[in-house]
Amino acid sequence: IAYNAHDIDDGVRAGLLDYEQLLAVPLLDQLHRDSIAAHPSLTGRRLLYALLRGLIAHLVDDTVCTTGTAIERHAPADAQCVRQLPALVGLGSATKASFIEVQQLLREQLYRHPRVWETTRAAQRVVSELFVAYLDSPGELPPAHRERLPVETAVVDYIAGMTDRFALREHARVLGPGPLTARLS
């Protein structure tokens, strides 16, 4: 829920999503109309924030309600019973269908946006090149990782723990600065 709301916010702020595109999704259009009805003077960023607050509240409320109903219906006696039941936590079917539409909008209009793909491909190269560089020169790893075996697992674990910025700094340190790290930073 939070990731999708943040992705909408990030997409609009980055100019990759237009607010009008959001309104093509019935749930977001309804939340927009609810926001305007509650706060007629809202525009721009504040209107977007109101819509996103409404989205989060709607999805959380539905999850709590749907989960409570499932727990009451199944009345599991203990954790073992819960493990044997179908998932108890989730969205109701109507809200789930609406949320899938939100996710489809994000996938089609944001995650597959050419600028996002370009950055994703560059980031994949950074990770791949770091992996090969660390395998070729395990001495570049910090001592705690250098001593772990197999070295492939140590390298994977080390890279997996990196933030984006740290990965870029490491790429420049290990492989030298170049157009790839300059484009991503």
N, C-alpha and C. Protein backbone atom coordinates (compact mmCIF):
# COMPACT_ATOMS: atom_id res chain seq x y z
N ILE A 1 0.84 -1.19 0.00
CA ILE A 1 0.00 0.00 0.00
C ILE A 1 0.88 1.25 0.00
N ALA A 2 1.82 1.28 0.94
CA ALA A 2 2.68 2.45 1.05
C ALA A 2 3.57 2.62 -0.17
N TYR A 3 4.13 1.51 -0.67
CA TYR A 3 5.00 1.60 -1.85
C TYR A 3 4.25 2.18 -3.03
N ASN A 4 3.04 1.71 -3.26
CA ASN A 4 2.28 2.21 -4.41
C ASN A 4 1.93 3.68 -4.25
N ALA A 5 1.55 4.09 -3.05
CA ALA A 5 1.24 5.50 -2.81
C ALA A 5 2.49 6.35 -3.03
N HIS A 6 3.62 5.89 -2.53
CA HIS A 6 4.87 6.64 -2.73
C HIS A 6 5.28 6.67 -4.19
N ASP A 7 5.05 5.56 -4.90
CA ASP A 7 5.39 5.54 -6.32
C ASP A 7 4.53 6.53 -7.11
N ILE A 8 3.25 6.64 -6.75
CA ILE A 8 2.40 7.63 -7.41
C ILE A 8 2.96 9.03 -7.16
N ASP A 9 3.26 9.31 -5.90
CA ASP A 9 3.81 10.62 -5.54
C ASP A 9 5.12 10.88 -6.29
N ASP A 10 6.02 9.93 -6.26
CA ASP A 10 7.30 10.09 -6.95
C ASP A 10 7.11 10.27 -8.44
N GLY A 11 6.19 9.50 -9.03
CA GLY A 11 5.95 9.59 -10.47
C GLY A 11 5.42 10.94 -10.89
N VAL A 12 4.50 11.50 -10.09
CA VAL A 12 3.95 12.82 -10.41
C VAL A 12 5.03 13.88 -10.21
N ARG A 13 5.76 13.81 -9.09
CA ARG A 13 6.80 14.82 -8.83
C ARG A 13 7.90 14.79 -9.89
N ALA A 14 8.21 13.61 -10.41
CA ALA A 14 9.26 13.48 -11.42
C ALA A 14 8.76 13.84 -12.83
N GLY A 15 7.46 14.08 -12.95
CA GLY A 15 6.91 14.40 -14.26
C GLY A 15 6.71 13.19 -15.15
N LEU A 16 6.75 12.01 -14.56
CA LEU A 16 6.56 10.78 -15.34
C LEU A 16 5.09 10.38 -15.39
N LEU A 17 4.31 10.86 -14.44
CA LEU A 17 2.86 10.64 -14.40
C LEU A 17 2.19 12.01 -14.34
N ASP A 18 1.14 12.16 -15.09
CA ASP A 18 0.31 13.36 -14.99
C ASP A 18 -0.83 13.07 -14.03
N TYR A 19 -1.22 14.07 -13.27
CA TYR A 19 -2.34 13.90 -12.34
C TYR A 19 -3.57 13.39 -13.09
N GLU A 20 -3.78 13.87 -14.30
CA GLU A 20 -4.95 13.46 -15.09
C GLU A 20 -4.92 11.96 -15.39
N GLN A 21 -3.71 11.39 -15.53
CA GLN A 21 -3.62 9.95 -15.76
C GLN A 21 -4.17 9.17 -14.57
N LEU A 22 -3.97 9.70 -13.39
CA LEU A 22 -4.48 9.04 -12.19
C LEU A 22 -6.00 8.94 -12.23
N LEU A 23 -6.63 9.96 -12.77
CA LEU A 23 -8.09 10.03 -12.77
C LEU A 23 -8.72 9.03 -13.73
N ALA A 24 -7.92 8.39 -14.57
CA ALA A 24 -8.43 7.34 -15.46
C ALA A 24 -8.73 6.06 -14.67
N VAL A 25 -8.20 5.96 -13.46
CA VAL A 25 -8.47 4.80 -12.60
C VAL A 25 -9.66 5.15 -11.71
N PRO A 26 -10.77 4.41 -11.80
CA PRO A 26 -11.98 4.78 -11.06
C PRO A 26 -11.77 5.02 -9.56
N LEU A 27 -10.98 4.18 -8.89
CA LEU A 27 -10.75 4.39 -7.46
C LEU A 27 -10.06 5.73 -7.20
N LEU A 28 -9.05 6.05 -7.98
CA LEU A 28 -8.33 7.31 -7.79
C LEU A 28 -9.22 8.50 -8.16
N ASP A 29 -10.05 8.34 -9.18
CA ASP A 29 -10.98 9.40 -9.55
C ASP A 29 -11.96 9.66 -8.41
N GLN A 30 -12.47 8.61 -7.79
CA GLN A 30 -13.40 8.77 -6.67
C GLN A 30 -12.71 9.44 -5.48
N LEU A 31 -11.49 9.02 -5.20
CA LEU A 31 -10.75 9.63 -4.09
C LEU A 31 -10.44 11.11 -4.39
N HIS A 32 -10.18 11.42 -5.66
CA HIS A 32 -9.98 12.82 -6.08
C HIS A 32 -11.26 13.62 -5.80
N ARG A 33 -12.39 13.09 -6.22
CA ARG A 33 -13.66 13.80 -6.01
C ARG A 33 -13.96 13.95 -4.52
N ASP A 34 -13.66 12.92 -3.73
CA ASP A 34 -13.85 13.00 -2.28
C ASP A 34 -12.96 14.08 -1.68
N SER A 35 -11.72 14.18 -2.15
CA SER A 35 -10.79 15.19 -1.65
C SER A 35 -11.29 16.60 -1.97
N ILE A 36 -11.78 16.79 -3.19
CA ILE A 36 -12.30 18.09 -3.60
C ILE A 36 -13.54 18.44 -2.78
N ALA A 37 -14.40 17.45 -2.55
CA ALA A 37 -15.61 17.70 -1.77
C ALA A 37 -15.27 18.10 -0.33
N ALA A 38 -14.28 17.47 0.24
CA ALA A 38 -13.89 17.76 1.62
C ALA A 38 -13.10 19.05 1.73
N HIS A 39 -12.32 19.36 0.70
CA HIS A 39 -11.44 20.53 0.73
C HIS A 39 -11.46 21.21 -0.64
N PRO A 40 -12.50 21.98 -0.93
CA PRO A 40 -12.67 22.55 -2.27
C PRO A 40 -11.53 23.44 -2.75
N SER A 41 -10.76 24.01 -1.83
CA SER A 41 -9.71 24.94 -2.26
C SER A 41 -8.38 24.25 -2.57
N LEU A 42 -8.30 22.94 -2.36
CA LEU A 42 -7.03 22.24 -2.60
C LEU A 42 -6.71 22.18 -4.09
N THR A 43 -5.42 22.39 -4.39
CA THR A 43 -4.91 22.26 -5.77
C THR A 43 -3.49 21.72 -5.69
N GLY A 44 -2.96 21.35 -6.82
CA GLY A 44 -1.55 20.97 -6.93
C GLY A 44 -1.13 19.87 -5.97
N ARG A 45 0.03 20.10 -5.34
CA ARG A 45 0.62 19.09 -4.44
C ARG A 45 -0.31 18.73 -3.30
N ARG A 46 -1.00 19.73 -2.76
CA ARG A 46 -1.89 19.45 -1.62
C ARG A 46 -3.05 18.55 -2.02
N LEU A 47 -3.54 18.73 -3.22
CA LEU A 47 -4.61 17.87 -3.71
C LEU A 47 -4.08 16.45 -3.91
N LEU A 48 -2.89 16.33 -4.46
CA LEU A 48 -2.28 15.01 -4.63
C LEU A 48 -2.11 14.33 -3.27
N TYR A 49 -1.60 15.08 -2.28
CA TYR A 49 -1.42 14.50 -0.95
C TYR A 49 -2.75 14.05 -0.35
N ALA A 50 -3.80 14.84 -0.55
CA ALA A 50 -5.12 14.45 -0.04
C ALA A 50 -5.60 13.16 -0.71
N LEU A 51 -5.40 13.09 -2.01
CA LEU A 51 -5.78 11.87 -2.74
C LEU A 51 -4.99 10.67 -2.20
N LEU A 52 -3.69 10.83 -2.00
CA LEU A 52 -2.86 9.72 -1.53
C LEU A 52 -3.21 9.33 -0.10
N ARG A 53 -3.49 10.31 0.76
CA ARG A 53 -3.95 9.99 2.12
C ARG A 53 -5.24 9.20 2.05
N GLY A 54 -6.14 9.61 1.18
CA GLY A 54 -7.40 8.89 1.01
C GLY A 54 -7.18 7.48 0.51
N LEU A 55 -6.24 7.31 -0.42
CA LEU A 55 -5.94 5.97 -0.95
C LEU A 55 -5.41 5.07 0.16
N ILE A 56 -4.44 5.57 0.92
CA ILE A 56 -3.87 4.77 2.00
C ILE A 56 -4.94 4.42 3.03
N ALA A 57 -5.72 5.41 3.44
CA ALA A 57 -6.77 5.17 4.45
C ALA A 57 -7.78 4.14 3.94
N HIS A 58 -8.19 4.29 2.69
CA HIS A 58 -9.17 3.35 2.11
C HIS A 58 -8.63 1.92 2.10
N LEU A 59 -7.41 1.76 1.65
CA LEU A 59 -6.83 0.42 1.55
C LEU A 59 -6.55 -0.18 2.92
N VAL A 60 -6.06 0.62 3.85
CA VAL A 60 -5.81 0.11 5.21
C VAL A 60 -7.12 -0.25 5.89
N ASP A 61 -8.12 0.62 5.80
CA ASP A 61 -9.41 0.32 6.41
C ASP A 61 -10.01 -0.96 5.85
N ASP A 62 -9.93 -1.13 4.53
CA ASP A 62 -10.47 -2.33 3.91
C ASP A 62 -9.69 -3.57 4.36
N THR A 63 -8.38 -3.47 4.46
CA THR A 63 -7.57 -4.59 4.92
C THR A 63 -7.94 -4.98 6.34
N VAL A 64 -8.09 -4.00 7.21
CA VAL A 64 -8.45 -4.28 8.61
C VAL A 64 -9.83 -4.94 8.68
N CYS A 65 -10.78 -4.40 7.96
CA CYS A 65 -12.14 -4.95 7.97
C CYS A 65 -12.18 -6.36 7.39
N THR A 66 -11.56 -6.55 6.25
CA THR A 66 -11.55 -7.86 5.59
C THR A 66 -10.83 -8.89 6.45
N THR A 67 -9.73 -8.49 7.05
CA THR A 67 -8.96 -9.40 7.91
C THR A 67 -9.76 -9.77 9.15
N GLY A 68 -10.40 -8.78 9.77
CA GLY A 68 -11.23 -9.05 10.95
C GLY A 68 -12.34 -10.02 10.64
N THR A 69 -12.98 -9.84 9.50
CA THR A 69 -14.05 -10.75 9.09
C THR A 69 -13.52 -12.16 8.88
N ALA A 70 -12.37 -12.29 8.24
CA ALA A 70 -11.77 -13.61 8.00
C ALA A 70 -11.40 -14.30 9.31
N ILE A 71 -10.87 -13.54 10.24
CA ILE A 71 -10.50 -14.13 11.53
C ILE A 71 -11.74 -14.58 12.28
N GLU A 72 -12.78 -13.77 12.26
CA GLU A 72 -14.04 -14.16 12.92
C GLU A 72 -14.63 -15.41 12.27
N ARG A 73 -14.61 -15.47 10.95
CA ARG A 73 -15.20 -16.61 10.23
C ARG A 73 -14.45 -17.90 10.52
N HIS A 74 -13.12 -17.85 10.51
CA HIS A 74 -12.32 -19.06 10.69
C HIS A 74 -12.02 -19.36 12.16
N ALA A 75 -12.01 -18.34 13.00
CA ALA A 75 -11.74 -18.47 14.43
C ALA A 75 -10.59 -19.43 14.74
N PRO A 76 -9.40 -19.16 14.22
CA PRO A 76 -8.28 -20.07 14.49
C PRO A 76 -7.94 -20.09 15.98
N ALA A 77 -7.67 -21.29 16.47
CA ALA A 77 -7.39 -21.46 17.90
C ALA A 77 -5.95 -21.09 18.26
N ASP A 78 -5.04 -21.28 17.30
CA ASP A 78 -3.63 -21.01 17.59
C ASP A 78 -2.89 -20.78 16.28
N ALA A 79 -1.59 -20.54 16.40
CA ALA A 79 -0.77 -20.23 15.22
C ALA A 79 -0.76 -21.39 14.23
N GLN A 80 -0.77 -22.61 14.71
CA GLN A 80 -0.77 -23.77 13.81
C GLN A 80 -2.04 -23.79 12.96
N CYS A 81 -3.16 -23.45 13.55
CA CYS A 81 -4.41 -23.38 12.79
C CYS A 81 -4.33 -22.30 11.71
N VAL A 82 -3.72 -21.17 12.05
CA VAL A 82 -3.57 -20.08 11.08
C VAL A 82 -2.77 -20.55 9.88
N ARG A 83 -1.71 -21.33 10.14
CA ARG A 83 -0.86 -21.81 9.04
C ARG A 83 -1.62 -22.72 8.08
N GLN A 84 -2.65 -23.38 8.57
CA GLN A 84 -3.40 -24.32 7.74
C GLN A 84 -4.57 -23.67 7.00
N LEU A 85 -4.86 -22.43 7.32
CA LEU A 85 -5.97 -21.72 6.69
C LEU A 85 -5.49 -20.95 5.45
N PRO A 86 -6.45 -20.59 4.58
CA PRO A 86 -6.06 -19.67 3.50
C PRO A 86 -5.65 -18.34 4.15
N ALA A 87 -5.01 -17.49 3.39
CA ALA A 87 -4.55 -16.20 3.92
C ALA A 87 -5.69 -15.45 4.59
N LEU A 88 -5.44 -14.98 5.80
CA LEU A 88 -6.46 -14.25 6.54
C LEU A 88 -6.35 -12.73 6.32
N VAL A 89 -5.18 -12.26 6.00
CA VAL A 89 -4.95 -10.83 5.82
C VAL A 89 -5.01 -10.49 4.33
N GLY A 90 -5.80 -9.50 3.99
CA GLY A 90 -5.88 -9.09 2.60
C GLY A 90 -6.99 -8.09 2.38
N LEU A 91 -7.11 -7.68 1.14
CA LEU A 91 -8.15 -6.75 0.74
C LEU A 91 -9.41 -7.52 0.37
N GLY A 92 -10.56 -6.87 0.50
CA GLY A 92 -11.80 -7.44 0.00
C GLY A 92 -11.76 -7.51 -1.52
N SER A 93 -12.60 -8.33 -2.10
CA SER A 93 -12.51 -8.57 -3.54
C SER A 93 -12.72 -7.31 -4.37
N ALA A 94 -13.67 -6.45 -4.02
CA ALA A 94 -13.91 -5.23 -4.81
C ALA A 94 -12.72 -4.27 -4.68
N THR A 95 -12.22 -4.10 -3.47
CA THR A 95 -11.09 -3.20 -3.27
C THR A 95 -9.84 -3.77 -3.93
N LYS A 96 -9.68 -5.08 -3.86
CA LYS A 96 -8.52 -5.70 -4.50
C LYS A 96 -8.55 -5.45 -6.01
N ALA A 97 -9.72 -5.58 -6.62
CA ALA A 97 -9.84 -5.32 -8.07
C ALA A 97 -9.49 -3.87 -8.38
N SER A 98 -9.94 -2.94 -7.54
CA SER A 98 -9.61 -1.53 -7.74
C SER A 98 -8.12 -1.27 -7.56
N PHE A 99 -7.53 -1.92 -6.57
CA PHE A 99 -6.10 -1.74 -6.31
C PHE A 99 -5.27 -2.31 -7.44
N ILE A 100 -5.72 -3.39 -8.04
CA ILE A 100 -5.02 -3.96 -9.20
C ILE A 100 -5.01 -2.95 -10.35
N GLU A 101 -6.08 -2.19 -10.51
CA GLU A 101 -6.10 -1.14 -11.54
C GLU A 101 -5.06 -0.06 -11.26
N VAL A 102 -4.88 0.28 -9.98
CA VAL A 102 -3.85 1.26 -9.60
C VAL A 102 -2.48 0.70 -9.96
N GLN A 103 -2.26 -0.57 -9.62
CA GLN A 103 -0.97 -1.20 -9.90
C GLN A 103 -0.72 -1.30 -11.41
N GLN A 104 -1.76 -1.55 -12.18
CA GLN A 104 -1.61 -1.61 -13.63
C GLN A 104 -1.21 -0.23 -14.19
N LEU A 105 -1.82 0.82 -13.67
CA LEU A 105 -1.45 2.17 -14.09
C LEU A 105 0.04 2.41 -13.81
N LEU A 106 0.48 2.05 -12.62
CA LEU A 106 1.89 2.24 -12.27
C LEU A 106 2.79 1.43 -13.18
N ARG A 107 2.43 0.20 -13.43
CA ARG A 107 3.27 -0.67 -14.27
C ARG A 107 3.35 -0.12 -15.69
N GLU A 108 2.22 0.27 -16.26
CA GLU A 108 2.19 0.70 -17.65
C GLU A 108 2.72 2.12 -17.86
N GLN A 109 2.43 3.03 -16.93
CA GLN A 109 2.76 4.43 -17.14
C GLN A 109 4.03 4.88 -16.42
N LEU A 110 4.41 4.19 -15.35
CA LEU A 110 5.58 4.62 -14.58
C LEU A 110 6.74 3.63 -14.71
N TYR A 111 6.52 2.40 -14.29
CA TYR A 111 7.63 1.43 -14.27
C TYR A 111 8.17 1.13 -15.66
N ARG A 112 7.32 1.24 -16.68
CA ARG A 112 7.77 0.98 -18.06
C ARG A 112 8.07 2.26 -18.82
N HIS A 113 8.10 3.37 -18.11
CA HIS A 113 8.42 4.66 -18.75
C HIS A 113 9.86 4.58 -19.26
N PRO A 114 10.14 5.10 -20.46
CA PRO A 114 11.49 5.01 -21.02
C PRO A 114 12.59 5.55 -20.09
N ARG A 115 12.32 6.64 -19.38
CA ARG A 115 13.34 7.17 -18.47
C ARG A 115 13.61 6.21 -17.31
N VAL A 116 12.57 5.54 -16.84
CA VAL A 116 12.74 4.57 -15.75
C VAL A 116 13.52 3.37 -16.26
N TRP A 117 13.19 2.89 -17.47
CA TRP A 117 13.89 1.74 -18.03
C TRP A 117 15.37 2.04 -18.23
N GLU A 118 15.68 3.25 -18.70
CA GLU A 118 17.07 3.63 -18.92
C GLU A 118 17.85 3.59 -17.60
N THR A 119 17.27 4.13 -16.56
CA THR A 119 17.92 4.13 -15.25
C THR A 119 18.04 2.71 -14.71
N THR A 120 17.01 1.91 -14.91
CA THR A 120 17.03 0.52 -14.43
C THR A 120 18.14 -0.26 -15.13
N ARG A 121 18.25 -0.11 -16.43
CA ARG A 121 19.31 -0.82 -17.16
C ARG A 121 20.70 -0.38 -16.68
N ALA A 122 20.87 0.91 -16.45
CA ALA A 122 22.16 1.40 -15.95
C ALA A 122 22.45 0.85 -14.56
N ALA A 123 21.44 0.80 -13.70
CA ALA A 123 21.63 0.26 -12.35
C ALA A 123 21.97 -1.23 -12.42
N GLN A 124 21.33 -1.96 -13.32
CA GLN A 124 21.66 -3.38 -13.49
C GLN A 124 23.11 -3.56 -13.90
N ARG A 125 23.59 -2.67 -14.76
CA ARG A 125 25.01 -2.74 -15.17
C ARG A 125 25.92 -2.48 -13.98
N VAL A 126 25.58 -1.51 -13.14
CA VAL A 126 26.40 -1.23 -11.96
C VAL A 126 26.48 -2.48 -11.08
N VAL A 127 25.36 -3.10 -10.82
CA VAL A 127 25.34 -4.30 -9.97
C VAL A 127 26.12 -5.43 -10.62
N SER A 128 25.89 -5.66 -11.90
CA SER A 128 26.60 -6.74 -12.61
C SER A 128 28.10 -6.50 -12.63
N GLU A 129 28.50 -5.28 -12.92
CA GLU A 129 29.93 -4.97 -12.98
C GLU A 129 30.59 -5.06 -11.61
N LEU A 130 29.87 -4.65 -10.57
CA LEU A 130 30.40 -4.80 -9.21
C LEU A 130 30.57 -6.27 -8.87
N PHE A 131 29.60 -7.09 -9.24
CA PHE A 131 29.67 -8.52 -8.95
C PHE A 131 30.92 -9.13 -9.57
N VAL A 132 31.13 -8.87 -10.83
CA VAL A 132 32.30 -9.41 -11.54
C VAL A 132 33.59 -8.86 -10.93
N ALA A 133 33.61 -7.57 -10.64
CA ALA A 133 34.82 -6.95 -10.07
C ALA A 133 35.17 -7.56 -8.72
N TYR A 134 34.19 -7.77 -7.87
CA TYR A 134 34.46 -8.35 -6.56
C TYR A 134 34.89 -9.82 -6.68
N LEU A 135 34.31 -10.54 -7.63
CA LEU A 135 34.74 -11.94 -7.84
C LEU A 135 36.18 -11.98 -8.32
N ASP A 136 36.54 -11.07 -9.22
CA ASP A 136 37.90 -11.01 -9.75
C ASP A 136 38.90 -10.53 -8.70
N SER A 137 38.45 -9.66 -7.79
CA SER A 137 39.34 -9.08 -6.78
C SER A 137 38.65 -9.08 -5.42
N PRO A 138 38.53 -10.25 -4.78
CA PRO A 138 37.85 -10.31 -3.49
C PRO A 138 38.47 -9.40 -2.43
N GLY A 139 39.72 -8.99 -2.64
CA GLY A 139 40.37 -8.07 -1.71
C GLY A 139 39.68 -6.71 -1.65
N GLU A 140 38.85 -6.41 -2.63
CA GLU A 140 38.10 -5.14 -2.62
C GLU A 140 36.94 -5.18 -1.64
N LEU A 141 36.55 -6.39 -1.21
CA LEU A 141 35.46 -6.52 -0.25
C LEU A 141 35.96 -6.15 1.14
N PRO A 142 35.05 -5.69 2.02
CA PRO A 142 35.44 -5.46 3.41
C PRO A 142 35.87 -6.79 4.05
N PRO A 143 36.74 -6.75 5.04
CA PRO A 143 37.25 -7.98 5.64
C PRO A 143 36.18 -8.98 6.07
N ALA A 144 35.09 -8.50 6.66
CA ALA A 144 34.05 -9.41 7.14
C ALA A 144 33.44 -10.22 5.99
N HIS A 145 33.33 -9.63 4.82
CA HIS A 145 32.78 -10.34 3.67
C HIS A 145 33.85 -11.14 2.95
N ARG A 146 35.05 -10.64 2.93
CA ARG A 146 36.16 -11.28 2.23
C ARG A 146 36.41 -12.69 2.75
N GLU A 147 36.18 -12.90 4.02
CA GLU A 147 36.51 -14.17 4.66
C GLU A 147 35.40 -15.21 4.53
N ARG A 148 34.24 -14.79 4.06
CA ARG A 148 33.11 -15.72 3.95
C ARG A 148 33.24 -16.57 2.70
N LEU A 149 32.80 -17.81 2.80
CA LEU A 149 32.80 -18.71 1.65
C LEU A 149 31.41 -19.28 1.46
N PRO A 150 31.01 -19.58 0.27
CA PRO A 150 31.71 -19.31 -0.98
C PRO A 150 31.73 -17.81 -1.28
N VAL A 151 32.73 -17.41 -2.01
CA VAL A 151 32.92 -15.99 -2.29
C VAL A 151 31.74 -15.41 -3.07
N GLU A 152 31.11 -16.21 -3.93
CA GLU A 152 29.96 -15.72 -4.69
C GLU A 152 28.84 -15.28 -3.76
N THR A 153 28.60 -16.07 -2.72
CA THR A 153 27.55 -15.73 -1.75
C THR A 153 27.92 -14.47 -0.98
N ALA A 154 29.20 -14.36 -0.61
CA ALA A 154 29.65 -13.16 0.10
C ALA A 154 29.45 -11.92 -0.76
N VAL A 155 29.77 -12.02 -2.04
CA VAL A 155 29.62 -10.88 -2.95
C VAL A 155 28.14 -10.53 -3.11
N VAL A 156 27.30 -11.53 -3.32
CA VAL A 156 25.86 -11.28 -3.47
C VAL A 156 25.32 -10.60 -2.22
N ASP A 157 25.67 -11.12 -1.04
CA ASP A 157 25.17 -10.54 0.21
C ASP A 157 25.65 -9.10 0.39
N TYR A 158 26.90 -8.85 0.05
CA TYR A 158 27.46 -7.51 0.19
C TYR A 158 26.73 -6.53 -0.73
N ILE A 159 26.57 -6.91 -1.98
CA ILE A 159 25.90 -6.02 -2.93
C ILE A 159 24.44 -5.82 -2.54
N ALA A 160 23.78 -6.87 -2.09
CA ALA A 160 22.37 -6.78 -1.72
C ALA A 160 22.14 -5.80 -0.58
N GLY A 161 23.15 -5.61 0.26
CA GLY A 161 23.01 -4.69 1.38
C GLY A 161 23.33 -3.24 1.05
N MET A 162 23.70 -2.97 -0.18
CA MET A 162 24.10 -1.61 -0.57
C MET A 162 22.89 -0.73 -0.85
N THR A 163 23.01 0.53 -0.47
CA THR A 163 22.05 1.53 -0.96
C THR A 163 22.45 1.90 -2.38
N ASP A 164 21.58 2.57 -3.07
CA ASP A 164 21.89 3.00 -4.44
C ASP A 164 23.14 3.88 -4.47
N ARG A 165 23.17 4.86 -3.59
CA ARG A 165 24.31 5.79 -3.57
C ARG A 165 25.61 5.08 -3.25
N PHE A 166 25.56 4.16 -2.28
CA PHE A 166 26.78 3.45 -1.92
C PHE A 166 27.25 2.58 -3.08
N ALA A 167 26.32 1.93 -3.78
CA ALA A 167 26.70 1.10 -4.93
C ALA A 167 27.39 1.96 -5.99
N LEU A 168 26.89 3.15 -6.22
CA LEU A 168 27.53 4.04 -7.20
C LEU A 168 28.93 4.45 -6.75
N ARG A 169 29.07 4.77 -5.46
CA ARG A 169 30.40 5.13 -4.95
C ARG A 169 31.36 3.96 -5.05
N GLU A 170 30.89 2.76 -4.72
CA GLU A 170 31.74 1.57 -4.81
C GLU A 170 32.12 1.28 -6.26
N HIS A 171 31.17 1.44 -7.15
CA HIS A 171 31.45 1.21 -8.58
C HIS A 171 32.55 2.16 -9.04
N ALA A 172 32.45 3.42 -8.66
CA ALA A 172 33.47 4.39 -9.04
C ALA A 172 34.80 4.07 -8.37
N ARG A 173 34.77 3.63 -7.11
CA ARG A 173 36.00 3.31 -6.39
C ARG A 173 36.69 2.09 -6.98
N VAL A 174 35.92 1.04 -7.23
CA VAL A 174 36.49 -0.24 -7.68
C VAL A 174 36.83 -0.21 -9.17
N LEU A 175 35.97 0.40 -9.97
CA LEU A 175 36.13 0.35 -11.42
C LEU A 175 36.55 1.69 -12.02
N GLY A 176 36.60 2.72 -11.19
CA GLY A 176 36.96 4.04 -11.69
C GLY A 176 35.73 4.79 -12.14
N PRO A 177 35.77 6.10 -12.02
CA PRO A 177 34.62 6.90 -12.45
C PRO A 177 34.45 6.79 -13.96
N GLY A 178 33.22 6.85 -14.38
CA GLY A 178 32.95 6.76 -15.80
C GLY A 178 31.57 7.28 -16.11
N PRO A 179 31.16 7.19 -17.37
CA PRO A 179 29.87 7.74 -17.77
C PRO A 179 28.69 7.03 -17.10
N LEU A 180 28.84 5.74 -16.78
CA LEU A 180 27.74 5.01 -16.17
C LEU A 180 27.41 5.56 -14.81
N THR A 181 28.40 5.69 -13.93
CA THR A 181 28.14 6.20 -12.59
C THR A 181 27.80 7.68 -12.62
N ALA A 182 28.36 8.42 -13.55
CA ALA A 182 28.03 9.85 -13.66
C ALA A 182 26.57 10.02 -14.05
N ARG A 183 26.06 9.17 -14.94
CA ARG A 183 24.67 9.29 -15.40
C ARG A 183 23.69 8.95 -14.29
N LEU A 184 24.04 8.04 -13.40
CA LEU A 184 23.13 7.62 -12.34
C LEU A 184 23.18 8.51 -11.12
N SER A 185 24.27 9.23 -10.92
CA SER A 185 24.38 10.00 -9.67
C SER A 185 23.66 11.32 -9.72
